[in-house]
mmCIF file of all heavy atoms, coordinates in Angstrom:
data_MODEL
# 
_entry.id   MODEL 
# 
loop_
_atom_site.group_PDB 
_atom_site.id 
_atom_site.type_symbol 
_atom_site.label_atom_id 
_atom_site.label_alt_id 
_atom_site.label_comp_id 
_atom_site.label_asym_id 
_atom_site.label_entity_id 
_atom_site.label_seq_id 
_atom_site.pdbx_PDB_ins_code 
_atom_site.Cartn_x 
_atom_site.Cartn_y 
_atom_site.Cartn_z 
_atom_site.occupancy 
_atom_site.B_iso_or_equiv 
_atom_site.pdbx_formal_charge 
_atom_site.auth_seq_id 
_atom_site.auth_comp_id 
_atom_site.auth_asym_id 
_atom_site.auth_atom_id 
_atom_site.pdbx_PDB_model_num 
ATOM 1   N N   . GLY A 1 1  ? 144.910 -4.975 -150.533 1.00 0.00 ? 1  GLY A N   1 
ATOM 2   C CA  . GLY A 1 1  ? 146.169 -5.492 -150.036 1.00 0.00 ? 1  GLY A CA  1 
ATOM 3   C C   . GLY A 1 1  ? 147.407 -4.852 -150.621 1.00 0.00 ? 1  GLY A C   1 
ATOM 4   O O   . GLY A 1 1  ? 148.521 -5.126 -150.158 1.00 0.00 ? 1  GLY A O   1 
ATOM 5   N N   . TYR A 1 2  ? 147.271 -3.996 -151.621 1.00 0.00 ? 2  TYR A N   1 
ATOM 6   C CA  . TYR A 1 2  ? 148.446 -3.351 -152.212 1.00 0.00 ? 2  TYR A CA  1 
ATOM 7   C C   . TYR A 1 2  ? 149.084 -2.377 -151.222 1.00 0.00 ? 2  TYR A C   1 
ATOM 8   O O   . TYR A 1 2  ? 148.381 -1.604 -150.557 1.00 0.00 ? 2  TYR A O   1 
ATOM 9   C CB  . TYR A 1 2  ? 148.053 -2.580 -153.469 1.00 0.00 ? 2  TYR A CB  1 
ATOM 10  C CG  . TYR A 1 2  ? 147.953 -3.426 -154.715 1.00 0.00 ? 2  TYR A CG  1 
ATOM 11  C CD1 . TYR A 1 2  ? 146.714 -3.828 -155.202 1.00 0.00 ? 2  TYR A CD1 1 
ATOM 12  C CD2 . TYR A 1 2  ? 149.088 -3.805 -155.424 1.00 0.00 ? 2  TYR A CD2 1 
ATOM 13  C CE1 . TYR A 1 2  ? 146.610 -4.595 -156.353 1.00 0.00 ? 2  TYR A CE1 1 
ATOM 14  C CE2 . TYR A 1 2  ? 148.996 -4.570 -156.576 1.00 0.00 ? 2  TYR A CE2 1 
ATOM 15  C CZ  . TYR A 1 2  ? 147.758 -4.969 -157.037 1.00 0.00 ? 2  TYR A CZ  1 
ATOM 16  O OH  . TYR A 1 2  ? 147.665 -5.730 -158.170 1.00 0.00 ? 2  TYR A OH  1 
ATOM 17  N N   . PRO A 1 3  ? 150.415 -2.376 -151.122 1.00 0.00 ? 3  PRO A N   1 
ATOM 18  C CA  . PRO A 1 3  ? 151.079 -1.454 -150.200 1.00 0.00 ? 3  PRO A CA  1 
ATOM 19  C C   . PRO A 1 3  ? 150.694 0.007  -150.413 1.00 0.00 ? 3  PRO A C   1 
ATOM 20  O O   . PRO A 1 3  ? 150.481 0.747  -149.444 1.00 0.00 ? 3  PRO A O   1 
ATOM 21  C CB  . PRO A 1 3  ? 152.572 -1.687 -150.481 1.00 0.00 ? 3  PRO A CB  1 
ATOM 22  C CG  . PRO A 1 3  ? 152.652 -3.079 -151.001 1.00 0.00 ? 3  PRO A CG  1 
ATOM 23  C CD  . PRO A 1 3  ? 151.383 -3.284 -151.775 1.00 0.00 ? 3  PRO A CD  1 
ATOM 24  N N   . MET A 1 4  ? 150.612 0.436  -151.683 1.00 0.00 ? 4  MET A N   1 
ATOM 25  C CA  . MET A 1 4  ? 150.348 1.842  -151.920 1.00 0.00 ? 4  MET A CA  1 
ATOM 26  C C   . MET A 1 4  ? 148.880 2.211  -151.713 1.00 0.00 ? 4  MET A C   1 
ATOM 27  O O   . MET A 1 4  ? 148.551 3.385  -151.500 1.00 0.00 ? 4  MET A O   1 
ATOM 28  C CB  . MET A 1 4  ? 150.827 2.256  -153.322 1.00 0.00 ? 4  MET A CB  1 
ATOM 29  C CG  . MET A 1 4  ? 152.305 1.952  -153.575 1.00 0.00 ? 4  MET A CG  1 
ATOM 30  S SD  . MET A 1 4  ? 153.393 2.325  -152.166 1.00 0.00 ? 4  MET A SD  1 
ATOM 31  C CE  . MET A 1 4  ? 153.283 4.105  -152.093 1.00 0.00 ? 4  MET A CE  1 
ATOM 32  N N   . VAL A 1 5  ? 147.992 1.226  -151.737 1.00 0.00 ? 5  VAL A N   1 
ATOM 33  C CA  . VAL A 1 5  ? 146.612 1.481  -151.314 1.00 0.00 ? 5  VAL A CA  1 
ATOM 34  C C   . VAL A 1 5  ? 146.576 1.697  -149.805 1.00 0.00 ? 5  VAL A C   1 
ATOM 35  O O   . VAL A 1 5  ? 145.885 2.595  -149.310 1.00 0.00 ? 5  VAL A O   1 
ATOM 36  C CB  . VAL A 1 5  ? 145.692 0.315  -151.730 1.00 0.00 ? 5  VAL A CB  1 
ATOM 37  C CG1 . VAL A 1 5  ? 144.316 0.438  -151.075 1.00 0.00 ? 5  VAL A CG1 1 
ATOM 38  C CG2 . VAL A 1 5  ? 145.540 0.288  -153.252 1.00 0.00 ? 5  VAL A CG2 1 
ATOM 39  N N   . LYS A 1 6  ? 147.348 0.903  -149.073 1.00 0.00 ? 6  LYS A N   1 
ATOM 40  C CA  . LYS A 1 6  ? 147.425 1.103  -147.631 1.00 0.00 ? 6  LYS A CA  1 
ATOM 41  C C   . LYS A 1 6  ? 148.029 2.475  -147.302 1.00 0.00 ? 6  LYS A C   1 
ATOM 42  O O   . LYS A 1 6  ? 147.598 3.149  -146.356 1.00 0.00 ? 6  LYS A O   1 
ATOM 43  C CB  . LYS A 1 6  ? 148.256 -0.016 -146.992 1.00 0.00 ? 6  LYS A CB  1 
ATOM 44  C CG  . LYS A 1 6  ? 147.592 -1.389 -147.082 1.00 0.00 ? 6  LYS A CG  1 
ATOM 45  C CD  . LYS A 1 6  ? 148.458 -2.453 -146.449 1.00 0.00 ? 6  LYS A CD  1 
ATOM 46  C CE  . LYS A 1 6  ? 147.802 -3.829 -146.535 1.00 0.00 ? 6  LYS A CE  1 
ATOM 47  N NZ  . LYS A 1 6  ? 146.582 -3.931 -145.694 1.00 0.00 ? 6  LYS A NZ  1 
ATOM 48  N N   . GLN A 1 7  ? 149.022 2.897  -148.097 1.00 0.00 ? 7  GLN A N   1 
ATOM 49  C CA  . GLN A 1 7  ? 149.607 4.222  -147.888 1.00 0.00 ? 7  GLN A CA  1 
ATOM 50  C C   . GLN A 1 7  ? 148.600 5.325  -148.196 1.00 0.00 ? 7  GLN A C   1 
ATOM 51  O O   . GLN A 1 7  ? 148.497 6.318  -147.460 1.00 0.00 ? 7  GLN A O   1 
ATOM 52  C CB  . GLN A 1 7  ? 150.857 4.391  -148.757 1.00 0.00 ? 7  GLN A CB  1 
ATOM 53  C CG  . GLN A 1 7  ? 151.538 5.737  -148.633 1.00 0.00 ? 7  GLN A CG  1 
ATOM 54  C CD  . GLN A 1 7  ? 152.150 5.987  -147.267 1.00 0.00 ? 7  GLN A CD  1 
ATOM 55  O OE1 . GLN A 1 7  ? 152.421 5.042  -146.519 1.00 0.00 ? 7  GLN A OE1 1 
ATOM 56  N NE2 . GLN A 1 7  ? 152.369 7.247  -146.922 1.00 0.00 ? 7  GLN A NE2 1 
ATOM 57  N N   . ALA A 1 8  ? 147.857 5.161  -149.281 1.00 0.00 ? 8  ALA A N   1 
ATOM 58  C CA  . ALA A 1 8  ? 146.832 6.148  -149.624 1.00 0.00 ? 8  ALA A CA  1 
ATOM 59  C C   . ALA A 1 8  ? 145.792 6.247  -148.511 1.00 0.00 ? 8  ALA A C   1 
ATOM 60  O O   . ALA A 1 8  ? 145.388 7.347  -148.112 1.00 0.00 ? 8  ALA A O   1 
ATOM 61  C CB  . ALA A 1 8  ? 146.163 5.771  -150.943 1.00 0.00 ? 8  ALA A CB  1 
ATOM 62  N N   . ARG A 1 9  ? 145.366 5.123  -148.016 1.00 0.00 ? 9  ARG A N   1 
ATOM 63  C CA  . ARG A 1 9  ? 144.408 5.090  -146.914 1.00 0.00 ? 9  ARG A CA  1 
ATOM 64  C C   . ARG A 1 9  ? 144.956 5.852  -145.706 1.00 0.00 ? 9  ARG A C   1 
ATOM 65  O O   . ARG A 1 9  ? 144.264 6.673  -145.103 1.00 0.00 ? 9  ARG A O   1 
ATOM 66  C CB  . ARG A 1 9  ? 144.131 3.625  -146.553 1.00 0.00 ? 9  ARG A CB  1 
ATOM 67  C CG  . ARG A 1 9  ? 143.369 3.395  -145.266 1.00 0.00 ? 9  ARG A CG  1 
ATOM 68  C CD  . ARG A 1 9  ? 143.330 1.895  -144.967 1.00 0.00 ? 9  ARG A CD  1 
ATOM 69  N NE  . ARG A 1 9  ? 142.825 1.637  -143.629 1.00 0.00 ? 9  ARG A NE  1 
ATOM 70  C CZ  . ARG A 1 9  ? 141.541 1.535  -143.311 1.00 0.00 ? 9  ARG A CZ  1 
ATOM 71  N NH1 . ARG A 1 9  ? 140.623 1.682  -144.245 1.00 0.00 ? 9  ARG A NH1 1 
ATOM 72  N NH2 . ARG A 1 9  ? 141.163 1.292  -142.075 1.00 0.00 ? 9  ARG A NH2 1 
ATOM 73  N N   . HIS A 1 10 ? 146.208 5.573  -145.357 1.00 0.00 ? 10 HIS A N   1 
ATOM 74  C CA  . HIS A 1 10 ? 146.839 6.230  -144.219 1.00 0.00 ? 10 HIS A CA  1 
ATOM 75  C C   . HIS A 1 10 ? 146.866 7.747  -144.410 1.00 0.00 ? 10 HIS A C   1 
ATOM 76  O O   . HIS A 1 10 ? 146.547 8.506  -143.474 1.00 0.00 ? 10 HIS A O   1 
ATOM 77  C CB  . HIS A 1 10 ? 148.269 5.693  -144.047 1.00 0.00 ? 10 HIS A CB  1 
ATOM 78  C CG  . HIS A 1 10 ? 149.102 6.465  -143.076 1.00 0.00 ? 10 HIS A CG  1 
ATOM 79  N ND1 . HIS A 1 10 ? 149.004 6.287  -141.704 1.00 0.00 ? 10 HIS A ND1 1 
ATOM 80  C CD2 . HIS A 1 10 ? 150.046 7.430  -143.279 1.00 0.00 ? 10 HIS A CD2 1 
ATOM 81  C CE1 . HIS A 1 10 ? 149.847 7.104  -141.111 1.00 0.00 ? 10 HIS A CE1 1 
ATOM 82  N NE2 . HIS A 1 10 ? 150.496 7.803  -142.024 1.00 0.00 ? 10 HIS A NE2 1 
ATOM 83  N N   . MET A 1 11 ? 147.244 8.194  -145.603 1.00 0.00 ? 11 MET A N   1 
ATOM 84  C CA  . MET A 1 11 ? 147.388 9.633  -145.839 1.00 0.00 ? 11 MET A CA  1 
ATOM 85  C C   . MET A 1 11 ? 146.043 10.344 -145.801 1.00 0.00 ? 11 MET A C   1 
ATOM 86  O O   . MET A 1 11 ? 145.930 11.453 -145.273 1.00 0.00 ? 11 MET A O   1 
ATOM 87  C CB  . MET A 1 11 ? 148.103 9.859  -147.173 1.00 0.00 ? 11 MET A CB  1 
ATOM 88  C CG  . MET A 1 11 ? 149.523 9.317  -147.178 1.00 0.00 ? 11 MET A CG  1 
ATOM 89  S SD  . MET A 1 11 ? 150.368 9.492  -148.755 1.00 0.00 ? 11 MET A SD  1 
ATOM 90  C CE  . MET A 1 11 ? 150.787 11.234 -148.682 1.00 0.00 ? 11 MET A CE  1 
ATOM 91  N N   . VAL A 1 12 ? 145.004 9.713  -146.328 1.00 0.00 ? 12 VAL A N   1 
ATOM 92  C CA  . VAL A 1 12 ? 143.676 10.326 -146.262 1.00 0.00 ? 12 VAL A CA  1 
ATOM 93  C C   . VAL A 1 12 ? 143.193 10.369 -144.826 1.00 0.00 ? 12 VAL A C   1 
ATOM 94  O O   . VAL A 1 12 ? 142.712 11.412 -144.341 1.00 0.00 ? 12 VAL A O   1 
ATOM 95  C CB  . VAL A 1 12 ? 142.677 9.552  -147.146 1.00 0.00 ? 12 VAL A CB  1 
ATOM 96  C CG1 . VAL A 1 12 ? 141.253 10.071 -146.925 1.00 0.00 ? 12 VAL A CG1 1 
ATOM 97  C CG2 . VAL A 1 12 ? 143.051 9.665  -148.619 1.00 0.00 ? 12 VAL A CG2 1 
ATOM 98  N N   . ARG A 1 13 ? 143.336 9.246  -144.111 1.00 0.00 ? 13 ARG A N   1 
ATOM 99  C CA  . ARG A 1 13 ? 142.837 9.182  -142.751 1.00 0.00 ? 13 ARG A CA  1 
ATOM 100 C C   . ARG A 1 13 ? 143.603 10.105 -141.801 1.00 0.00 ? 13 ARG A C   1 
ATOM 101 O O   . ARG A 1 13 ? 143.060 10.575 -140.802 1.00 0.00 ? 13 ARG A O   1 
ATOM 102 C CB  . ARG A 1 13 ? 142.912 7.742  -142.227 1.00 0.00 ? 13 ARG A CB  1 
ATOM 103 C CG  . ARG A 1 13 ? 142.155 6.712  -143.079 1.00 0.00 ? 13 ARG A CG  1 
ATOM 104 C CD  . ARG A 1 13 ? 140.685 7.031  -143.244 1.00 0.00 ? 13 ARG A CD  1 
ATOM 105 N NE  . ARG A 1 13 ? 140.015 6.064  -144.095 1.00 0.00 ? 13 ARG A NE  1 
ATOM 106 C CZ  . ARG A 1 13 ? 139.444 4.937  -143.664 1.00 0.00 ? 13 ARG A CZ  1 
ATOM 107 N NH1 . ARG A 1 13 ? 139.470 4.635  -142.388 1.00 0.00 ? 13 ARG A NH1 1 
ATOM 108 N NH2 . ARG A 1 13 ? 138.846 4.137  -144.509 1.00 0.00 ? 13 ARG A NH2 1 
ATOM 109 N N   . GLU A 1 14 ? 144.886 10.352 -142.103 1.00 0.00 ? 14 GLU A N   1 
ATOM 110 C CA  . GLU A 1 14 ? 145.706 11.225 -141.252 1.00 0.00 ? 14 GLU A CA  1 
ATOM 111 C C   . GLU A 1 14 ? 145.585 12.701 -141.647 1.00 0.00 ? 14 GLU A C   1 
ATOM 112 O O   . GLU A 1 14 ? 146.261 13.551 -141.070 1.00 0.00 ? 14 GLU A O   1 
ATOM 113 C CB  . GLU A 1 14 ? 147.174 10.794 -141.319 1.00 0.00 ? 14 GLU A CB  1 
ATOM 114 C CG  . GLU A 1 14 ? 147.454 9.462  -140.660 1.00 0.00 ? 14 GLU A CG  1 
ATOM 115 C CD  . GLU A 1 14 ? 147.152 9.483  -139.165 1.00 0.00 ? 14 GLU A CD  1 
ATOM 116 O OE1 . GLU A 1 14 ? 147.601 10.427 -138.495 1.00 0.00 ? 14 GLU A OE1 1 
ATOM 117 O OE2 . GLU A 1 14 ? 146.462 8.561  -138.689 1.00 0.00 ? 14 GLU A OE2 1 
ATOM 118 N N   . GLY A 1 15 ? 144.764 13.016 -142.624 1.00 0.00 ? 15 GLY A N   1 
ATOM 119 C CA  . GLY A 1 15 ? 144.503 14.404 -142.974 1.00 0.00 ? 15 GLY A CA  1 
ATOM 120 C C   . GLY A 1 15 ? 145.480 15.050 -143.926 1.00 0.00 ? 15 GLY A C   1 
ATOM 121 O O   . GLY A 1 15 ? 145.477 16.280 -144.085 1.00 0.00 ? 15 GLY A O   1 
ATOM 122 N N   . HIS A 1 16 ? 146.341 14.260 -144.588 1.00 0.00 ? 16 HIS A N   1 
ATOM 123 C CA  . HIS A 1 16 ? 147.329 14.837 -145.503 1.00 0.00 ? 16 HIS A CA  1 
ATOM 124 C C   . HIS A 1 16 ? 146.669 15.539 -146.697 1.00 0.00 ? 16 HIS A C   1 
ATOM 125 O O   . HIS A 1 16 ? 147.286 16.417 -147.304 1.00 0.00 ? 16 HIS A O   1 
ATOM 126 C CB  . HIS A 1 16 ? 148.273 13.745 -146.013 1.00 0.00 ? 16 HIS A CB  1 
ATOM 127 C CG  . HIS A 1 16 ? 149.186 13.195 -144.960 1.00 0.00 ? 16 HIS A CG  1 
ATOM 128 N ND1 . HIS A 1 16 ? 150.498 13.606 -144.804 1.00 0.00 ? 16 HIS A ND1 1 
ATOM 129 C CD2 . HIS A 1 16 ? 148.966 12.286 -143.978 1.00 0.00 ? 16 HIS A CD2 1 
ATOM 130 C CE1 . HIS A 1 16 ? 151.043 12.958 -143.788 1.00 0.00 ? 16 HIS A CE1 1 
ATOM 131 N NE2 . HIS A 1 16 ? 150.131 12.156 -143.276 1.00 0.00 ? 16 HIS A NE2 1 
ATOM 132 N N   . LEU A 1 17 ? 145.460 15.149 -147.018 1.00 0.00 ? 17 LEU A N   1 
ATOM 133 C CA  . LEU A 1 17 ? 144.759 15.764 -148.149 1.00 0.00 ? 17 LEU A CA  1 
ATOM 134 C C   . LEU A 1 17 ? 143.841 16.890 -147.692 1.00 0.00 ? 17 LEU A C   1 
ATOM 135 O O   . LEU A 1 17 ? 143.243 17.569 -148.523 1.00 0.00 ? 17 LEU A O   1 
ATOM 136 C CB  . LEU A 1 17 ? 143.941 14.729 -148.919 1.00 0.00 ? 17 LEU A CB  1 
ATOM 137 C CG  . LEU A 1 17 ? 144.670 13.938 -150.018 1.00 0.00 ? 17 LEU A CG  1 
ATOM 138 C CD1 . LEU A 1 17 ? 145.812 13.122 -149.447 1.00 0.00 ? 17 LEU A CD1 1 
ATOM 139 C CD2 . LEU A 1 17 ? 143.693 13.035 -150.758 1.00 0.00 ? 17 LEU A CD2 1 
ATOM 140 N N   . GLY A 1 18 ? 143.708 17.085 -146.405 1.00 0.00 ? 18 GLY A N   1 
ATOM 141 C CA  . GLY A 1 18 ? 142.719 18.030 -145.900 1.00 0.00 ? 18 GLY A CA  1 
ATOM 142 C C   . GLY A 1 18 ? 141.349 17.391 -145.930 1.00 0.00 ? 18 GLY A C   1 
ATOM 143 O O   . GLY A 1 18 ? 141.199 16.161 -145.816 1.00 0.00 ? 18 GLY A O   1 
ATOM 144 N N   . GLU A 1 19 ? 140.334 18.199 -146.100 1.00 0.00 ? 19 GLU A N   1 
ATOM 145 C CA  . GLU A 1 19 ? 138.965 17.693 -146.172 1.00 0.00 ? 19 GLU A CA  1 
ATOM 146 C C   . GLU A 1 19 ? 138.715 17.093 -147.557 1.00 0.00 ? 19 GLU A C   1 
ATOM 147 O O   . GLU A 1 19 ? 138.905 17.748 -148.580 1.00 0.00 ? 19 GLU A O   1 
ATOM 148 C CB  . GLU A 1 19 ? 137.970 18.825 -145.927 1.00 0.00 ? 19 GLU A CB  1 
ATOM 149 C CG  . GLU A 1 19 ? 136.518 18.376 -145.982 1.00 0.00 ? 19 GLU A CG  1 
ATOM 150 C CD  . GLU A 1 19 ? 135.554 19.520 -145.822 1.00 0.00 ? 19 GLU A CD  1 
ATOM 151 O OE1 . GLU A 1 19 ? 136.028 20.672 -145.680 1.00 0.00 ? 19 GLU A OE1 1 
ATOM 152 O OE2 . GLU A 1 19 ? 134.333 19.286 -145.839 1.00 0.00 ? 19 GLU A OE2 1 
ATOM 153 N N   . VAL A 1 20 ? 138.302 15.832 -147.605 1.00 0.00 ? 20 VAL A N   1 
ATOM 154 C CA  . VAL A 1 20 ? 138.046 15.172 -148.888 1.00 0.00 ? 20 VAL A CA  1 
ATOM 155 C C   . VAL A 1 20 ? 136.812 15.788 -149.545 1.00 0.00 ? 20 VAL A C   1 
ATOM 156 O O   . VAL A 1 20 ? 135.752 15.906 -148.931 1.00 0.00 ? 20 VAL A O   1 
ATOM 157 C CB  . VAL A 1 20 ? 137.864 13.660 -148.704 1.00 0.00 ? 20 VAL A CB  1 
ATOM 158 C CG1 . VAL A 1 20 ? 137.461 12.998 -150.023 1.00 0.00 ? 20 VAL A CG1 1 
ATOM 159 C CG2 . VAL A 1 20 ? 139.150 13.033 -148.182 1.00 0.00 ? 20 VAL A CG2 1 
ATOM 160 N N   . ARG A 1 21 ? 136.982 16.167 -150.814 1.00 0.00 ? 21 ARG A N   1 
ATOM 161 C CA  . ARG A 1 21 ? 135.899 16.807 -151.548 1.00 0.00 ? 21 ARG A CA  1 
ATOM 162 C C   . ARG A 1 21 ? 135.367 15.960 -152.699 1.00 0.00 ? 21 ARG A C   1 
ATOM 163 O O   . ARG A 1 21 ? 134.185 15.987 -153.000 1.00 0.00 ? 21 ARG A O   1 
ATOM 164 C CB  . ARG A 1 21 ? 136.375 18.151 -152.095 1.00 0.00 ? 21 ARG A CB  1 
ATOM 165 C CG  . ARG A 1 21 ? 136.687 19.185 -151.021 1.00 0.00 ? 21 ARG A CG  1 
ATOM 166 C CD  . ARG A 1 21 ? 137.346 20.420 -151.616 1.00 0.00 ? 21 ARG A CD  1 
ATOM 167 N NE  . ARG A 1 21 ? 137.461 21.499 -150.634 1.00 0.00 ? 21 ARG A NE  1 
ATOM 168 C CZ  . ARG A 1 21 ? 138.131 22.626 -150.859 1.00 0.00 ? 21 ARG A CZ  1 
ATOM 169 N NH1 . ARG A 1 21 ? 138.756 22.808 -152.022 1.00 0.00 ? 21 ARG A NH1 1 
ATOM 170 N NH2 . ARG A 1 21 ? 138.174 23.568 -149.934 1.00 0.00 ? 21 ARG A NH2 1 
ATOM 171 N N   . LYS A 1 22 ? 136.279 15.219 -153.358 1.00 0.00 ? 22 LYS A N   1 
ATOM 172 C CA  . LYS A 1 22 ? 135.844 14.475 -154.539 1.00 0.00 ? 22 LYS A CA  1 
ATOM 173 C C   . LYS A 1 22 ? 136.635 13.180 -154.673 1.00 0.00 ? 22 LYS A C   1 
ATOM 174 O O   . LYS A 1 22 ? 137.845 13.142 -154.426 1.00 0.00 ? 22 LYS A O   1 
ATOM 175 C CB  . LYS A 1 22 ? 136.021 15.310 -155.805 1.00 0.00 ? 22 LYS A CB  1 
ATOM 176 C CG  . LYS A 1 22 ? 135.462 14.638 -157.060 1.00 0.00 ? 22 LYS A CG  1 
ATOM 177 C CD  . LYS A 1 22 ? 135.142 15.632 -158.152 1.00 0.00 ? 22 LYS A CD  1 
ATOM 178 C CE  . LYS A 1 22 ? 134.423 14.963 -159.308 1.00 0.00 ? 22 LYS A CE  1 
ATOM 179 N NZ  . LYS A 1 22 ? 133.951 15.929 -160.305 1.00 0.00 ? 22 LYS A NZ  1 
ATOM 180 N N   . VAL A 1 23 ? 135.925 12.122 -155.085 1.00 0.00 ? 23 VAL A N   1 
ATOM 181 C CA  . VAL A 1 23 ? 136.520 10.808 -155.301 1.00 0.00 ? 23 VAL A CA  1 
ATOM 182 C C   . VAL A 1 23 ? 136.103 10.321 -156.685 1.00 0.00 ? 23 VAL A C   1 
ATOM 183 O O   . VAL A 1 23 ? 134.912 10.306 -157.015 1.00 0.00 ? 23 VAL A O   1 
ATOM 184 C CB  . VAL A 1 23 ? 136.054 9.795  -154.236 1.00 0.00 ? 23 VAL A CB  1 
ATOM 185 C CG1 . VAL A 1 23 ? 136.729 8.433  -154.459 1.00 0.00 ? 23 VAL A CG1 1 
ATOM 186 C CG2 . VAL A 1 23 ? 136.310 10.317 -152.832 1.00 0.00 ? 23 VAL A CG2 1 
ATOM 187 N N   . ILE A 1 24 ? 137.079 9.932  -157.480 1.00 0.00 ? 24 ILE A N   1 
ATOM 188 C CA  . ILE A 1 24 ? 136.804 9.370  -158.805 1.00 0.00 ? 24 ILE A CA  1 
ATOM 189 C C   . ILE A 1 24 ? 137.452 7.994  -158.863 1.00 0.00 ? 24 ILE A C   1 
ATOM 190 O O   . ILE A 1 24 ? 138.674 7.865  -158.755 1.00 0.00 ? 24 ILE A O   1 
ATOM 191 C CB  . ILE A 1 24 ? 137.358 10.255 -159.936 1.00 0.00 ? 24 ILE A CB  1 
ATOM 192 C CG1 . ILE A 1 24 ? 136.774 11.661 -159.842 1.00 0.00 ? 24 ILE A CG1 1 
ATOM 193 C CG2 . ILE A 1 24 ? 137.061 9.640  -161.307 1.00 0.00 ? 24 ILE A CG2 1 
ATOM 194 C CD1 . ILE A 1 24 ? 137.389 12.649 -160.825 1.00 0.00 ? 24 ILE A CD1 1 
ATOM 195 N N   . VAL A 1 25 ? 136.640 6.958  -159.023 1.00 0.00 ? 25 VAL A N   1 
ATOM 196 C CA  . VAL A 1 25 ? 137.158 5.594  -159.086 1.00 0.00 ? 25 VAL A CA  1 
ATOM 197 C C   . VAL A 1 25 ? 136.641 4.949  -160.370 1.00 0.00 ? 25 VAL A C   1 
ATOM 198 O O   . VAL A 1 25 ? 135.464 5.074  -160.711 1.00 0.00 ? 25 VAL A O   1 
ATOM 199 C CB  . VAL A 1 25 ? 136.763 4.784  -157.830 1.00 0.00 ? 25 VAL A CB  1 
ATOM 200 C CG1 . VAL A 1 25 ? 135.256 4.684  -157.661 1.00 0.00 ? 25 VAL A CG1 1 
ATOM 201 C CG2 . VAL A 1 25 ? 137.409 3.407  -157.850 1.00 0.00 ? 25 VAL A CG2 1 
ATOM 202 N N   . GLU A 1 26 ? 137.542 4.295  -161.081 1.00 0.00 ? 26 GLU A N   1 
ATOM 203 C CA  . GLU A 1 26 ? 137.203 3.706  -162.378 1.00 0.00 ? 26 GLU A CA  1 
ATOM 204 C C   . GLU A 1 26 ? 137.766 2.298  -162.468 1.00 0.00 ? 26 GLU A C   1 
ATOM 205 O O   . GLU A 1 26 ? 138.899 2.042  -162.073 1.00 0.00 ? 26 GLU A O   1 
ATOM 206 C CB  . GLU A 1 26 ? 137.784 4.544  -163.522 1.00 0.00 ? 26 GLU A CB  1 
ATOM 207 C CG  . GLU A 1 26 ? 137.555 3.924  -164.901 1.00 0.00 ? 26 GLU A CG  1 
ATOM 208 C CD  . GLU A 1 26 ? 138.220 4.703  -166.029 1.00 0.00 ? 26 GLU A CD  1 
ATOM 209 O OE1 . GLU A 1 26 ? 138.834 5.753  -165.716 1.00 0.00 ? 26 GLU A OE1 1 
ATOM 210 O OE2 . GLU A 1 26 ? 138.145 4.269  -167.185 1.00 0.00 ? 26 GLU A OE2 1 
ATOM 211 N N   . TYR A 1 27 ? 136.946 1.381  -162.996 1.00 0.00 ? 27 TYR A N   1 
ATOM 212 C CA  . TYR A 1 27 ? 137.405 0.026  -163.272 1.00 0.00 ? 27 TYR A CA  1 
ATOM 213 C C   . TYR A 1 27 ? 136.908 -0.349 -164.667 1.00 0.00 ? 27 TYR A C   1 
ATOM 214 O O   . TYR A 1 27 ? 135.734 -0.643 -164.856 1.00 0.00 ? 27 TYR A O   1 
ATOM 215 C CB  . TYR A 1 27 ? 136.865 -0.949 -162.226 1.00 0.00 ? 27 TYR A CB  1 
ATOM 216 C CG  . TYR A 1 27 ? 137.654 -2.241 -162.111 1.00 0.00 ? 27 TYR A CG  1 
ATOM 217 C CD1 . TYR A 1 27 ? 137.632 -2.985 -160.924 1.00 0.00 ? 27 TYR A CD1 1 
ATOM 218 C CD2 . TYR A 1 27 ? 138.411 -2.746 -163.161 1.00 0.00 ? 27 TYR A CD2 1 
ATOM 219 C CE1 . TYR A 1 27 ? 138.345 -4.156 -160.790 1.00 0.00 ? 27 TYR A CE1 1 
ATOM 220 C CE2 . TYR A 1 27 ? 139.122 -3.924 -163.047 1.00 0.00 ? 27 TYR A CE2 1 
ATOM 221 C CZ  . TYR A 1 27 ? 139.081 -4.633 -161.857 1.00 0.00 ? 27 TYR A CZ  1 
ATOM 222 O OH  . TYR A 1 27 ? 139.782 -5.808 -161.742 1.00 0.00 ? 27 TYR A OH  1 
ATOM 223 N N   . SER A 1 28 ? 137.811 -0.311 -165.627 1.00 0.00 ? 28 SER A N   1 
ATOM 224 C CA  . SER A 1 28 ? 137.446 -0.555 -167.014 1.00 0.00 ? 28 SER A CA  1 
ATOM 225 C C   . SER A 1 28 ? 138.191 -1.755 -167.577 1.00 0.00 ? 28 SER A C   1 
ATOM 226 O O   . SER A 1 28 ? 139.409 -1.879 -167.447 1.00 0.00 ? 28 SER A O   1 
ATOM 227 C CB  . SER A 1 28 ? 137.753 0.676  -167.880 1.00 0.00 ? 28 SER A CB  1 
ATOM 228 O OG  . SER A 1 28 ? 136.893 1.748  -167.541 1.00 0.00 ? 28 SER A OG  1 
ATOM 229 N N   . GLN A 1 29 ? 137.441 -2.648 -168.189 1.00 0.00 ? 29 GLN A N   1 
ATOM 230 C CA  . GLN A 1 29 ? 137.957 -3.807 -168.906 1.00 0.00 ? 29 GLN A CA  1 
ATOM 231 C C   . GLN A 1 29 ? 137.302 -3.860 -170.282 1.00 0.00 ? 29 GLN A C   1 
ATOM 232 O O   . GLN A 1 29 ? 136.271 -3.229 -170.509 1.00 0.00 ? 29 GLN A O   1 
ATOM 233 C CB  . GLN A 1 29 ? 137.629 -5.106 -168.157 1.00 0.00 ? 29 GLN A CB  1 
ATOM 234 C CG  . GLN A 1 29 ? 138.190 -5.205 -166.758 1.00 0.00 ? 29 GLN A CG  1 
ATOM 235 C CD  . GLN A 1 29 ? 137.695 -6.444 -166.039 1.00 0.00 ? 29 GLN A CD  1 
ATOM 236 O OE1 . GLN A 1 29 ? 136.615 -6.963 -166.314 1.00 0.00 ? 29 GLN A OE1 1 
ATOM 237 N NE2 . GLN A 1 29 ? 138.497 -6.923 -165.088 1.00 0.00 ? 29 GLN A NE2 1 
# 
């Protein structure tokens, strides 16, 4: 629900990054 997550989603889906090659996601507590 974060606005900038929605923006990131839009930019990836619209091809602003080109072909996605690598994803790094981290959740540390």
